[in-house]
PDB file of N, CA and C in Angstrom:
ATOM      1  N   MET A   1     132.497 119.665 106.024  1.00  0.00           N
ATOM      2  CA  MET A   1     133.107 118.498 105.433  1.00  0.00           C
ATOM      3  C   MET A   1     132.208 117.881 104.366  1.00  0.00           C
ATOM      4  N   LYS A   2     130.895 117.919 104.617  1.00  0.00           N
ATOM      5  CA  LYS A   2     129.951 117.331 103.662  1.00  0.00           C
ATOM      6  C   LYS A   2     130.084 117.987 102.291  1.00  0.00           C
ATOM      7  N   SER A   3     130.213 119.309 102.262  1.00  0.00           N
ATOM      8  CA  SER A   3     130.354 120.027 100.992  1.00  0.00           C
ATOM      9  C   SER A   3     131.649 119.656 100.286  1.00  0.00           C
ATOM     10  N   THR A   4     132.704 119.490 101.044  1.00  0.00           N
ATOM     11  CA  THR A   4     133.992 119.099 100.467  1.00  0.00           C
ATOM     12  C   THR A   4     133.893 117.723  99.816  1.00  0.00           C
ATOM     13  N   LEU A   5     133.245 116.787 100.509  1.00  0.00           N
ATOM     14  CA  LEU A   5     133.071 115.447  99.952  1.00  0.00           C
ATOM     15  C   LEU A   5     132.192 115.477  98.701  1.00  0.00           C
ATOM     16  N   GLN A   6     131.157 116.287  98.720  1.00  0.00           N
ATOM     17  CA  GLN A   6     130.285 116.392  97.550  1.00  0.00           C
ATOM     18  C   GLN A   6     131.033 116.990  96.356  1.00  0.00           C
ATOM     19  N   LEU A   7     131.885 117.985  96.602  1.00  0.00           N
ATOM     20  CA  LEU A   7     132.682 118.569  95.517  1.00  0.00           C
ATOM     21  C   LEU A   7     133.669 117.545  94.953  1.00  0.00           C
ATOM     22  N   GLU A   8     134.245 116.748  95.835  1.00  0.00           N
ATOM     23  CA  GLU A   8     135.163 115.696  95.397  1.00  0.00           C
ATOM     24  C   GLU A   8     134.428 114.684  94.514  1.00  0.00           C
ATOM     25  N   GLU A   9     133.243 114.293  94.925  1.00  0.00           N
ATOM     26  CA  GLU A   9     132.451 113.341  94.137  1.00  0.00           C
ATOM     27  C   GLU A   9     131.995 113.964  92.821  1.00  0.00           C
ATOM     28  N   LEU A  10     131.688 115.250  92.822  1.00  0.00           N
ATOM     29  CA  LEU A  10     131.326 115.943  91.593  1.00  0.00           C
ATOM     30  C   LEU A  10     132.496 115.915  90.604  1.00  0.00           C
ATOM     31  N   ALA A  11     133.707 116.103  91.115  1.00  0.00           N
ATOM     32  CA  ALA A  11     134.895 116.019  90.265  1.00  0.00           C
ATOM     33  C   ALA A  11     135.039 114.611  89.687  1.00  0.00           C
ATOM     34  N   MET A  12     134.760 113.585  90.505  1.00  0.00           N
ATOM     35  CA  MET A  12     134.854 112.210  90.009  1.00  0.00           C
ATOM     36  C   MET A  12     133.775 111.925  88.966  1.00  0.00           C
ATOM     37  N   LEU A  13     132.582 112.467  89.164  1.00  0.00           N
ATOM     38  CA  LEU A  13     131.540 112.327  88.153  1.00  0.00           C
ATOM     39  C   LEU A  13     131.989 112.995  86.856  1.00  0.00           C
ATOM     40  N   GLY A  14     132.594 114.161  86.972  1.00  0.00           N
ATOM     41  CA  GLY A  14     133.139 114.849  85.800  1.00  0.00           C
ATOM     42  C   GLY A  14     134.193 114.012  85.098  1.00  0.00           C
ATOM     43  N   LEU A  15     135.048 113.356  85.873  1.00  0.00           N
ATOM     44  CA  LEU A  15     136.063 112.467  85.299  1.00  0.00           C
ATOM     45  C   LEU A  15     135.397 111.321  84.542  1.00  0.00           C
ATOM     46  N   GLY A  16     134.365 110.745  85.133  1.00  0.00           N
ATOM     47  CA  GLY A  16     133.646 109.658  84.461  1.00  0.00           C
ATOM     48  C   GLY A  16     133.038 110.117  83.143  1.00  0.00           C
ATOM     49  N   ILE A  17     132.455 111.299  83.144  1.00  0.00           N
ATOM     50  CA  ILE A  17     131.865 111.851  81.916  1.00  0.00           C
ATOM     51  C   ILE A  17     132.952 112.089  80.875  1.00  0.00           C
ATOM     52  N   TYR A  18     134.084 112.616  81.317  1.00  0.00           N
ATOM     53  CA  TYR A  18     135.207 112.828  80.393  1.00  0.00           C
ATOM     54  C   TYR A  18     135.695 111.501  79.821  1.00  0.00           C
ATOM     55  N   MET A  19     135.857 110.497  80.679  1.00  0.00           N
ATOM     56  CA  MET A  19     136.331 109.188  80.206  1.00  0.00           C
ATOM     57  C   MET A  19     135.343 108.597  79.197  1.00  0.00           C
ATOM     58  N   PHE A  20     134.049 108.784  79.436  1.00  0.00           N
ATOM     59  CA  PHE A  20     133.048 108.314  78.483  1.00  0.00           C
ATOM     60  C   PHE A  20     133.232 109.015  77.143  1.00  0.00           C
ATOM     61  N   SER A  21     133.552 110.312  77.174  1.00  0.00           N
ATOM     62  CA  SER A  21     133.698 111.074  75.927  1.00  0.00           C
ATOM     63  C   SER A  21     134.838 110.541  75.060  1.00  0.00           C
ATOM     64  N   LEU A  22     135.764 109.806  75.662  1.00  0.00           N
ATOM     65  CA  LEU A  22     136.886 109.242  74.909  1.00  0.00           C
ATOM     66  C   LEU A  22     136.501 107.955  74.175  1.00  0.00           C
ATOM     67  N   LEU A  23     135.347 107.396  74.529  1.00  0.00           N
ATOM     68  CA  LEU A  23     134.871 106.180  73.868  1.00  0.00           C
ATOM     69  C   LEU A  23     134.057 106.556  72.633  1.00  0.00           C
ATOM     70  N   SER A  24     133.740 105.566  71.817  1.00  0.00           N
ATOM     71  CA  SER A  24     133.058 105.832  70.550  1.00  0.00           C
ATOM     72  C   SER A  24     131.538 105.706  70.632  1.00  0.00           C
ATOM     73  N   PHE A  25     130.977 105.691  71.827  1.00  0.00           N
ATOM     74  CA  PHE A  25     129.540 105.517  71.993  1.00  0.00           C
ATOM     75  C   PHE A  25     128.801 106.859  71.941  1.00  0.00           C
ATOM     76  N   SER A  26     127.519 106.806  71.603  1.00  0.00           N
ATOM     77  CA  SER A  26     126.663 107.997  71.607  1.00  0.00           C
ATOM     78  C   SER A  26     126.329 108.367  73.055  1.00  0.00           C
ATOM     79  N   TRP A  27     126.076 109.652  73.269  1.00  0.00           N
ATOM     80  CA  TRP A  27     125.793 110.141  74.615  1.00  0.00           C
ATOM     81  C   TRP A  27     124.514 109.573  75.202  1.00  0.00           C
ATOM     82  N   TRP A  28     123.551 109.256  74.364  1.00  0.00           N
ATOM     83  CA  TRP A  28     122.297 108.700  74.877  1.00  0.00           C
ATOM     84  C   TRP A  28     122.555 107.410  75.646  1.00  0.00           C
ATOM     85  N   LEU A  29     123.595 106.663  75.262  1.00  0.00           N
ATOM     86  CA  LEU A  29     123.893 105.403  75.933  1.00  0.00           C
ATOM     87  C   LEU A  29     124.341 105.633  77.381  1.00  0.00           C
ATOM     88  N   PHE A  30     125.108 106.685  77.590  1.00  0.00           N
ATOM     89  CA  PHE A  30     125.527 107.025  78.958  1.00  0.00           C
ATOM     90  C   PHE A  30     124.294 107.276  79.825  1.00  0.00           C
ATOM     91  N   LEU A  31     123.372 108.060  79.304  1.00  0.00           N
ATOM     92  CA  LEU A  31     122.150 108.370  80.047  1.00  0.00           C
ATOM     93  C   LEU A  31     121.282 107.134  80.244  1.00  0.00           C
ATOM     94  N   ALA A  32     121.194 106.285  79.234  1.00  0.00           N
ATOM     95  CA  ALA A  32     120.354 105.084  79.308  1.00  0.00           C
ATOM     96  C   ALA A  32     120.886 104.088  80.333  1.00  0.00           C
ATOM     97  N   LEU A  33     122.206 104.024  80.483  1.00  0.00           N
ATOM     98  CA  LEU A  33     122.820 103.038  81.379  1.00  0.00           C
ATOM     99  C   LEU A  33     123.108 103.587  82.776  1.00  0.00           C
ATOM    100  N   PHE A  34     122.974 104.878  82.960  1.00  0.00           N
ATOM    101  CA  PHE A  34     123.434 105.528  84.188  1.00  0.00           C
ATOM    102  C   PHE A  34     122.826 104.958  85.469  1.00  0.00           C
ATOM    103  N   LEU A  35     121.580 104.559  85.441  1.00  0.00           N
ATOM    104  CA  LEU A  35     120.925 104.055  86.657  1.00  0.00           C
ATOM    105  C   LEU A  35     120.983 102.527  86.791  1.00  0.00           C
ATOM    106  N   ILE A  36     121.562 101.849  85.813  1.00  0.00           N
ATOM    107  CA  ILE A  36     121.641 100.380  85.844  1.00  0.00           C
ATOM    108  C   ILE A  36     122.315  99.848  87.116  1.00  0.00           C
ATOM    109  N   PRO A  37     123.366 100.480  87.647  1.00  0.00           N
ATOM    110  CA  PRO A  37     123.983  99.929  88.859  1.00  0.00           C
ATOM    111  C   PRO A  37     123.032  99.794  90.050  1.00  0.00           C
ATOM    112  N   ASP A  38     121.923 100.498  90.024  1.00  0.00           N
ATOM    113  CA  ASP A  38     120.960 100.376  91.120  1.00  0.00           C
ATOM    114  C   ASP A  38     120.272  99.011  91.137  1.00  0.00           C
ATOM    115  N   ILE A  39     120.549  98.190  90.136  1.00  0.00           N
ATOM    116  CA  ILE A  39     120.030  96.825  90.148  1.00  0.00           C
ATOM    117  C   ILE A  39     120.534  96.072  91.383  1.00  0.00           C
ATOM    118  N   GLY A  40     121.646  96.524  91.928  1.00  0.00           N
ATOM    119  CA  GLY A  40     122.185  95.925  93.151  1.00  0.00           C
ATOM    120  C   GLY A  40     121.234  96.004  94.329  1.00  0.00           C
ATOM    121  N   MET A  41     120.298  96.937  94.288  1.00  0.00           N
ATOM    122  CA  MET A  41     119.320  97.057  95.377  1.00  0.00           C
ATOM    123  C   MET A  41     118.376  95.866  95.441  1.00  0.00           C
ATOM    124  N   LEU A  42     118.286  95.107  94.357  1.00  0.00           N
ATOM    125  CA  LEU A  42     117.393  93.951  94.348  1.00  0.00           C
ATOM    126  C   LEU A  42     117.785  92.920  95.405  1.00  0.00           C
ATOM    127  N   GLY A  43     119.037  92.934  95.816  1.00  0.00           N
ATOM    128  CA  GLY A  43     119.478  92.033  96.872  1.00  0.00           C
ATOM    129  C   GLY A  43     118.718  92.231  98.170  1.00  0.00           C
ATOM    130  N   TYR A  44     118.207  93.425  98.375  1.00  0.00           N
ATOM    131  CA  TYR A  44     117.433  93.696  99.591  1.00  0.00           C
ATOM    132  C   TYR A  44     116.107  92.934  99.606  1.00  0.00           C
ATOM    133  N   LEU A  45     115.695  92.414  98.467  1.00  0.00           N
ATOM    134  CA  LEU A  45     114.495  91.575  98.437  1.00  0.00           C
ATOM    135  C   LEU A  45     114.743  90.252  99.148  1.00  0.00           C
ATOM    136  N   VAL A  46     116.021  89.851  99.243  1.00  0.00           N
ATOM    137  CA  VAL A  46     116.380  88.617  99.949  1.00  0.00           C
ATOM    138  C   VAL A  46     116.526  88.915 101.439  1.00  0.00           C
ATOM    139  N   ASN A  47     117.481  89.777 101.774  1.00  0.00           N
ATOM    140  CA  ASN A  47     117.678  90.223 103.155  1.00  0.00           C
ATOM    141  C   ASN A  47     118.706  91.349 103.165  1.00  0.00           C
ATOM    142  N   ASN A  48     118.942  91.947 104.326  1.00  0.00           N
ATOM    143  CA  ASN A  48     119.869  93.078 104.424  1.00  0.00           C
ATOM    144  C   ASN A  48     121.302  92.700 104.096  1.00  0.00           C
ATOM    145  N   LYS A  49     121.731  91.521 104.488  1.00  0.00           N
ATOM    146  CA  LYS A  49     123.116  91.097 104.238  1.00  0.00           C
ATOM    147  C   LYS A  49     123.376  90.958 102.739  1.00  0.00           C
ATOM    148  N   ILE A  50     122.503  90.241 102.044  1.00  0.00           N
ATOM    149  CA  ILE A  50     122.647  90.073 100.597  1.00  0.00           C
ATOM    150  C   ILE A  50     122.473  91.427  99.904  1.00  0.00           C
ATOM    151  N   GLY A  51     121.533  92.215 100.375  1.00  0.00           N
ATOM    152  CA  GLY A  51     121.295  93.536  99.801  1.00  0.00           C
ATOM    153  C   GLY A  51     122.507  94.432  99.887  1.00  0.00           C
ATOM    154  N   ALA A  52     123.111  94.490 101.062  1.00  0.00           N
ATOM    155  CA  ALA A  52     124.300  95.333 101.239  1.00  0.00           C
ATOM    156  C   ALA A  52     125.442  94.849 100.356  1.00  0.00           C
ATOM    157  N   PHE A  53     125.633  93.527 100.300  1.00  0.00           N
ATOM    158  CA  PHE A  53     126.711  92.970  99.471  1.00  0.00           C
ATOM    159  C   PHE A  53     126.496  93.316  98.004  1.00  0.00           C
ATOM    160  N   ALA A  54     125.298  93.051  97.494  1.00  0.00           N
ATOM    161  CA  ALA A  54     125.005  93.311  96.079  1.00  0.00           C
ATOM    162  C   ALA A  54     125.113  94.805  95.769  1.00  0.00           C
ATOM    163  N   TYR A  55     124.527  95.628  96.615  1.00  0.00           N
ATOM    164  CA  TYR A  55     124.585  97.074  96.399  1.00  0.00           C
ATOM    165  C   TYR A  55     126.038  97.553  96.373  1.00  0.00           C
ATOM    166  N   ASN A  56     126.826  97.089  97.334  1.00  0.00           N
ATOM    167  CA  ASN A  56     128.209  97.550  97.436  1.00  0.00           C
ATOM    168  C   ASN A  56     129.063  97.103  96.258  1.00  0.00           C
ATOM    169  N   ILE A  57     128.807  95.921  95.712  1.00  0.00           N
ATOM    170  CA  ILE A  57     129.552  95.469  94.526  1.00  0.00           C
ATOM    171  C   ILE A  57     129.297  96.420  93.350  1.00  0.00           C
ATOM    172  N   PHE A  58     128.036  96.811  93.174  1.00  0.00           N
ATOM    173  CA  PHE A  58     127.679  97.685  92.051  1.00  0.00           C
ATOM    174  C   PHE A  58     128.014  99.156  92.296  1.00  0.00           C
ATOM    175  N   HIS A  59     128.426  99.503  93.519  1.00  0.00           N
ATOM    176  CA  HIS A  59     128.709 100.901  93.850  1.00  0.00           C
ATOM    177  C   HIS A  59     130.116 101.106  94.417  1.00  0.00           C
ATOM    178  N   HIS A  60     130.972 100.132  94.251  1.00  0.00           N
ATOM    179  CA  HIS A  60     132.344 100.222  94.762  1.00  0.00           C
ATOM    180  C   HIS A  60     133.240 100.762  93.653  1.00  0.00           C
ATOM    181  N   LYS A  61     133.857 101.892  93.894  1.00  0.00           N
ATOM    182  CA  LYS A  61     134.678 102.517  92.857  1.00  0.00           C
ATOM    183  C   LYS A  61     135.911 101.685  92.514  1.00  0.00           C
ATOM    184  N   GLY A  62     136.433 100.955  93.479  1.00  0.00           N
ATOM    185  CA  GLY A  62     137.576 100.076  93.199  1.00  0.00           C
ATOM    186  C   GLY A  62     137.211  99.007  92.183  1.00  0.00           C
ATOM    187  N   VAL A  63     136.036  98.422  92.338  1.00  0.00           N
ATOM    188  CA  VAL A  63     135.545  97.430  91.376  1.00  0.00           C
ATOM    189  C   VAL A  63     135.379  98.088  90.012  1.00  0.00           C
ATOM    190  N   ALA A  64     134.800  99.288  89.994  1.00  0.00           N
ATOM    191  CA  ALA A  64     134.589 100.012  88.741  1.00  0.00           C
ATOM    192  C   ALA A  64     135.917 100.277  88.021  1.00  0.00           C
ATOM    193  N   ILE A  65     136.912 100.711  88.763  1.00  0.00           N
ATOM    194  CA  ILE A  65     138.223 101.005  88.166  1.00  0.00           C
ATOM    195  C   ILE A  65     138.869  99.729  87.648  1.00  0.00           C
ATOM    196  N   LEU A  66     138.757  98.649  88.400  1.00  0.00           N
ATOM    197  CA  LEU A  66     139.293  97.358  87.960  1.00  0.00           C
ATOM    198  C   LEU A  66     138.643  96.916  86.648  1.00  0.00           C
ATOM    199  N   ILE A  67     137.343  97.052  86.554  1.00  0.00           N
ATOM    200  CA  ILE A  67     136.630  96.690  85.320  1.00  0.00           C
ATOM    201  C   ILE A  67     137.089  97.575  84.169  1.00  0.00           C
ATOM    202  N   TYR A  68     137.218  98.873  84.415  1.00  0.00           N
ATOM    203  CA  TYR A  68     137.669  99.782  83.362  1.00  0.00           C
ATOM    204  C   TYR A  68     139.055  99.375  82.852  1.00  0.00           C
ATOM    205  N   PHE A  69     139.987  99.127  83.769  1.00  0.00           N
ATOM    206  CA  PHE A  69     141.339  98.755  83.349  1.00  0.00           C
ATOM    207  C   PHE A  69     141.378  97.390  82.667  1.00  0.00           C
ATOM    208  N   MET A  70     140.490  96.502  83.050  1.00  0.00           N
ATOM    209  CA  MET A  70     140.387  95.222  82.351  1.00  0.00           C
ATOM    210  C   MET A  70     139.961  95.475  80.903  1.00  0.00           C
ATOM    211  N   GLY A  71     139.028  96.415  80.722  1.00  0.00           N
ATOM    212  CA  GLY A  71     138.611  96.791  79.371  1.00  0.00           C
ATOM    213  C   GLY A  71     139.741  97.409  78.565  1.00  0.00           C
ATOM    214  N   LEU A  72     140.567  98.220  79.226  1.00  0.00           N
ATOM    215  CA  LEU A  72     141.736  98.790  78.541  1.00  0.00           C
ATOM    216  C   LEU A  72     142.696  97.679  78.120  1.00  0.00           C
ATOM    217  N   TYR A  73     142.991  96.790  79.040  1.00  0.00           N
ATOM    218  CA  TYR A  73     143.921  95.689  78.773  1.00  0.00           C
ATOM    219  C   TYR A  73     143.430  94.815  77.617  1.00  0.00           C
ATOM    220  N   LEU A  74     142.129  94.560  77.596  1.00  0.00           N
ATOM    221  CA  LEU A  74     141.550  93.710  76.552  1.00  0.00           C
ATOM    222  C   LEU A  74     141.147  94.499  75.305  1.00  0.00           C
ATOM    223  N   SER A  75     141.381  95.808  75.323  1.00  0.00           N
ATOM    224  CA  SER A  75     140.979  96.694  74.222  1.00  0.00           C
ATOM    225  C   SER A  75     139.503  96.501  73.882  1.00  0.00           C
ATOM    226  N   ASN A  76     138.678  96.485  74.920  1.00  0.00           N
ATOM    227  CA  ASN A  76     137.250  96.259  74.760  1.00  0.00           C
ATOM    228  C   ASN A  76     136.496  97.460  75.331  1.00  0.00           C
ATOM    229  N   GLU A  77     135.921  98.269  74.439  1.00  0.00           N
ATOM    230  CA  GLU A  77     135.221  99.478  74.872  1.00  0.00           C
ATOM    231  C   GLU A  77     133.968  99.176  75.682  1.00  0.00           C
ATOM    232  N   PHE A  78     133.330  98.038  75.453  1.00  0.00           N
ATOM    233  CA  PHE A  78     132.133  97.700  76.222  1.00  0.00           C
ATOM    234  C   PHE A  78     132.478  97.460  77.693  1.00  0.00           C
ATOM    235  N   ILE A  79     133.611  96.823  77.946  1.00  0.00           N
ATOM    236  CA  ILE A  79     134.047  96.607  79.332  1.00  0.00           C
ATOM    237  C   ILE A  79     134.468  97.936  79.948  1.00  0.00           C
ATOM    238  N   GLN A  80     135.167  98.761  79.170  1.00  0.00           N
ATOM    239  CA  GLN A  80     135.534 100.091  79.659  1.00  0.00           C
ATOM    240  C   GLN A  80     134.278 100.886  80.007  1.00  0.00           C
ATOM    241  N   LEU A  81     133.280 100.823  79.139  1.00  0.00           N
ATOM    242  CA  LEU A  81     132.015 101.507  79.374  1.00  0.00           C
ATOM    243  C   LEU A  81     131.383 101.047  80.687  1.00  0.00           C
ATOM    244  N   SER A  82     131.417  99.753  80.936  1.00  0.00           N
ATOM    245  CA  SER A  82     130.850  99.216  82.183  1.00  0.00           C
ATOM    246  C   SER A  82     131.530  99.840  83.390  1.00  0.00           C
ATOM    247  N   GLY A  83     132.852  99.898  83.371  1.00  0.00           N
ATOM    248  CA  GLY A  83     133.590 100.495  84.470  1.00  0.00           C
ATOM    249  C   GLY A  83     133.271 101.973  84.642  1.00  0.00           C
ATOM    250  N   ILE A  84     133.159 102.685  83.541  1.00  0.00           N
ATOM    251  CA  ILE A  84     132.858 104.118  83.593  1.00  0.00           C
ATOM    252  C   ILE A  84     131.467 104.367  84.154  1.00  0.00           C
ATOM    253  N   ILE A  85     130.502 103.572  83.732  1.00  0.00           N
ATOM    254  CA  ILE A  85     129.136 103.729  84.238  1.00  0.00           C
ATOM    255  C   ILE A  85     129.096 103.449  85.736  1.00  0.00           C
ATOM    256  N   LEU A  86     129.735 102.362  86.170  1.00  0.00           N
ATOM    257  CA  LEU A  86     129.760 102.030  87.598  1.00  0.00           C
ATOM    258  C   LEU A  86     130.416 103.156  88.406  1.00  0.00           C
ATOM    259  N   PHE A  87     131.546 103.651  87.921  1.00  0.00           N
ATOM    260  CA  PHE A  87     132.285 104.708  88.610  1.00  0.00           C
ATOM    261  C   PHE A  87     131.462 105.998  88.685  1.00  0.00           C
ATOM    262  N   SER A  88     130.906 106.405  87.547  1.00  0.00           N
ATOM    263  CA  SER A  88     130.138 107.654  87.479  1.00  0.00           C
ATOM    264  C   SER A  88     128.894 107.582  88.346  1.00  0.00           C
ATOM    265  N   HIS A  89     128.202 106.452  88.286  1.00  0.00           N
ATOM    266  CA  HIS A  89     126.989 106.296  89.085  1.00  0.00           C
ATOM    267  C   HIS A  89     127.306 106.338  90.580  1.00  0.00           C
ATOM    268  N   ALA A  90     128.387 105.668  90.984  1.00  0.00           N
ATOM    269  CA  ALA A  90     128.779 105.671  92.400  1.00  0.00           C
ATOM    270  C   ALA A  90     129.089 107.090  92.870  1.00  0.00           C
ATOM    271  N   ALA A  91     129.777 107.863  92.037  1.00  0.00           N
ATOM    272  CA  ALA A  91     130.080 109.254  92.399  1.00  0.00           C
ATOM    273  C   ALA A  91     128.794 110.061  92.539  1.00  0.00           C
ATOM    274  N   PHE A  92     127.862 109.878  91.612  1.00  0.00           N
ATOM    275  CA  PHE A  92     126.589 110.597  91.666  1.00  0.00           C
ATOM    276  C   PHE A  92     125.812 110.234  92.931  1.00  0.00           C
ATOM    277  N   ASP A  93     125.760 108.949  93.245  1.00  0.00           N
ATOM    278  CA  ASP A  93     125.064 108.516  94.459  1.00  0.00           C
ATOM    279  C   ASP A  93     125.664 109.154  95.704  1.00  0.00           C
ATOM    280  N   ARG A  94     126.981 109.257  95.738  1.00  0.00           N
ATOM    281  CA  ARG A  94     127.634 109.826  96.920  1.00  0.00           C
ATOM    282  C   ARG A  94     127.411 111.323  97.007  1.00  0.00           C
ATOM    283  N   ILE A  95     127.247 111.993  95.872  1.00  0.00           N
ATOM    284  CA  ILE A  95     126.872 113.414  95.901  1.00  0.00           C
ATOM    285  C   ILE A  95     125.542 113.563  96.631  1.00  0.00           C
ATOM    286  N   LEU A  96     124.645 112.609  96.399  1.00  0.00           N
ATOM    287  CA  LEU A  96     123.311 112.641  97.013  1.00  0.00           C
ATOM    288  C   LEU A  96     123.289 112.081  98.434  1.00  0.00           C
ATOM    289  N   GLY A  97     124.432 111.555  98.901  1.00  0.00           N
ATOM    290  CA  GLY A  97     124.513 111.044 100.262  1.00  0.00           C
ATOM    291  C   GLY A  97     124.300 109.548 100.404  1.00  0.00           C
ATOM    292  N   TYR A  98     124.235 108.849  99.283  1.00  0.00           N
ATOM    293  CA  TYR A  98     124.070 107.385  99.325  1.00  0.00           C
ATOM    294  C   TYR A  98     125.442 106.731  99.256  1.00  0.00           C
ATOM    295  N   GLY A  99     125.904 106.241 100.394  1.00  0.00           N
ATOM    296  CA  GLY A  99     127.208 105.606 100.446  1.00  0.00           C
ATOM    297  C   GLY A  99     127.102 104.100 100.389  1.00  0.00           C
ATOM    298  N   LEU A 100     128.229 103.448 100.570  1.00  0.00           N
ATOM    299  CA  LEU A 100     128.259 101.991 100.653  1.00  0.00           C
ATOM    300  C   LEU A 100     127.472 101.561 101.884  1.00  0.00           C
ATOM    301  N   LYS A 101     126.797 100.438 101.774  1.00  0.00           N
ATOM    302  CA  LYS A 101     125.840 100.029 102.804  1.00  0.00           C
ATOM    303  C   LYS A 101     126.442  99.087 103.842  1.00  0.00           C
ATOM    304  N   TYR A 102     125.945  99.240 105.067  1.00  0.00           N
ATOM    305  CA  TYR A 102     126.211  98.281 106.140  1.00  0.00           C
ATOM    306  C   TYR A 102     125.106  97.232 106.118  1.00  0.00           C
ATOM    307  N   GLU A 103     125.380  96.068 106.676  1.00  0.00           N
ATOM    308  CA  GLU A 103     124.402  94.976 106.699  1.00  0.00           C
ATOM    309  C   GLU A 103     123.193  95.280 107.579  1.00  0.00           C
ATOM    310  N   LYS A 104     123.281  96.312 108.357  1.00  0.00           N
ATOM    311  CA  LYS A 104     122.213  96.699 109.277  1.00  0.00           C
ATOM    312  C   LYS A 104     120.929  97.113 108.539  1.00  0.00           C
ATOM    313  N   GLY A 105     121.078  97.635 107.322  1.00  0.00           N
ATOM    314  CA  GLY A 105     119.928  98.068 106.541  1.00  0.00           C
ATOM    315  C   GLY A 105     120.321  99.088 105.494  1.00  0.00           C
ATOM    316  N   PHE A 106     119.441  99.344 104.535  1.00  0.00           N
ATOM    317  CA  PHE A 106     119.736 100.215 103.401  1.00  0.00           C
ATOM    318  C   PHE A 106     120.128 101.627 103.822  1.00  0.00           C
ATOM    319  N   LYS A 107     119.506 102.145 104.847  1.00  0.00           N
ATOM    320  CA  LYS A 107     119.758 103.544 105.205  1.00  0.00           C
ATOM    321  C   LYS A 107     121.045 103.752 106.004  1.00  0.00           C
ATOM    322  N   PHE A 108     121.759 102.680 106.324  1.00  0.00           N
ATOM    323  CA  PHE A 108     123.003 102.781 107.095  1.00  0.00           C
ATOM    324  C   PHE A 108     124.200 102.687 106.149  1.00  0.00           C
ATOM    325  N   THR A 109     124.877 103.828 105.945  1.00  0.00           N
ATOM    326  CA  THR A 109     125.957 103.896 104.961  1.00  0.00           C
ATOM    327  C   THR A 109     127.258 104.393 105.592  1.00  0.00           C
ATOM    328  N   HIS A 110     128.329 104.266 104.827  1.00  0.00           N
ATOM    329  CA  HIS A 110     129.617 104.746 105.316  1.00  0.00           C
ATOM    330  C   HIS A 110     129.655 106.278 105.391  1.00  0.00           C
ATOM    331  N   LEU A 111     128.667 106.934 104.815  1.00  0.00           N
ATOM    332  CA  LEU A 111     128.571 108.387 104.894  1.00  0.00           C
ATOM    333  C   LEU A 111     127.655 108.867 105.999  1.00  0.00           C
ATOM    334  N   GLY A 112     127.070 107.908 106.698  1.00  0.00           N
ATOM    335  CA  GLY A 112     126.112 108.234 107.757  1.00  0.00           C
ATOM    336  C   GLY A 112     124.752 107.667 107.411  1.00  0.00           C
ATOM    337  N   GLU A 113     123.822 107.895 108.300  1.00  0.00           N
ATOM    338  CA  GLU A 113     122.468 107.366 108.119  1.00  0.00           C
ATOM    339  C   GLU A 113     121.704 108.244 107.125  1.00  0.00           C
ATOM    340  N   ILE A 114     121.098 107.609 106.123  1.00  0.00           N
ATOM    341  CA  ILE A 114     120.303 108.329 105.133  1.00  0.00           C
ATOM    342  C   ILE A 114     119.052 108.864 105.818  1.00  0.00           C
ATOM    343  N   GLY A 115     118.766 110.137 105.580  1.00  0.00           N
ATOM    344  CA  GLY A 115     117.574 110.751 106.147  1.00  0.00           C
ATOM    345  C   GLY A 115     117.804 111.404 107.491  1.00  0.00           C
ATOM    346  N   LYS A 116     118.933 111.130 108.116  1.00  0.00           N
ATOM    347  CA  LYS A 116     119.237 111.734 109.414  1.00  0.00           C
ATOM    348  C   LYS A 116     119.957 113.066 109.173  1.00  0.00           C
ATOM    349  N   LYS A 117     119.528 114.088 109.846  1.00  0.00           N
ATOM    350  CA  LYS A 117     120.160 115.408 109.714  1.00  0.00           C
ATOM    351  C   LYS A 117     121.507 115.386 110.418  1.00  0.00           C
ATOM    352  N   ASN A 118     122.571 115.672 109.646  1.00  0.00           N
ATOM    353  CA  ASN A 118     123.932 115.682 110.225  1.00  0.00           C
ATOM    354  C   ASN A 118     124.399 117.091 110.470  1.00  0.00           C
TER     355      ASN A 118
END
């Protein structure tokens, strides 16, 4: 099942890359912004609850899609770019096994415990 989920996330990452190609930005910008969603981890400096909330906001594909469609509606490529980066980064993280976080701590995700052999 793990391989199937990783292939699904790889397809979503591919979709994000394709959607980026439809915008008028240079490719270096995609690479420069790709890790920005990890800023959500800074919430863990406060506590696990705030950390999980902040991380999950920046890694929730539903939020990413909503932002992208808001950019489409407003005809604003910068907002579309934001949604694409959030979506693509979330897919990449899930390929690596980093899922949405539980309040219990960073290593507890909806995909299982990080570092635990499944």
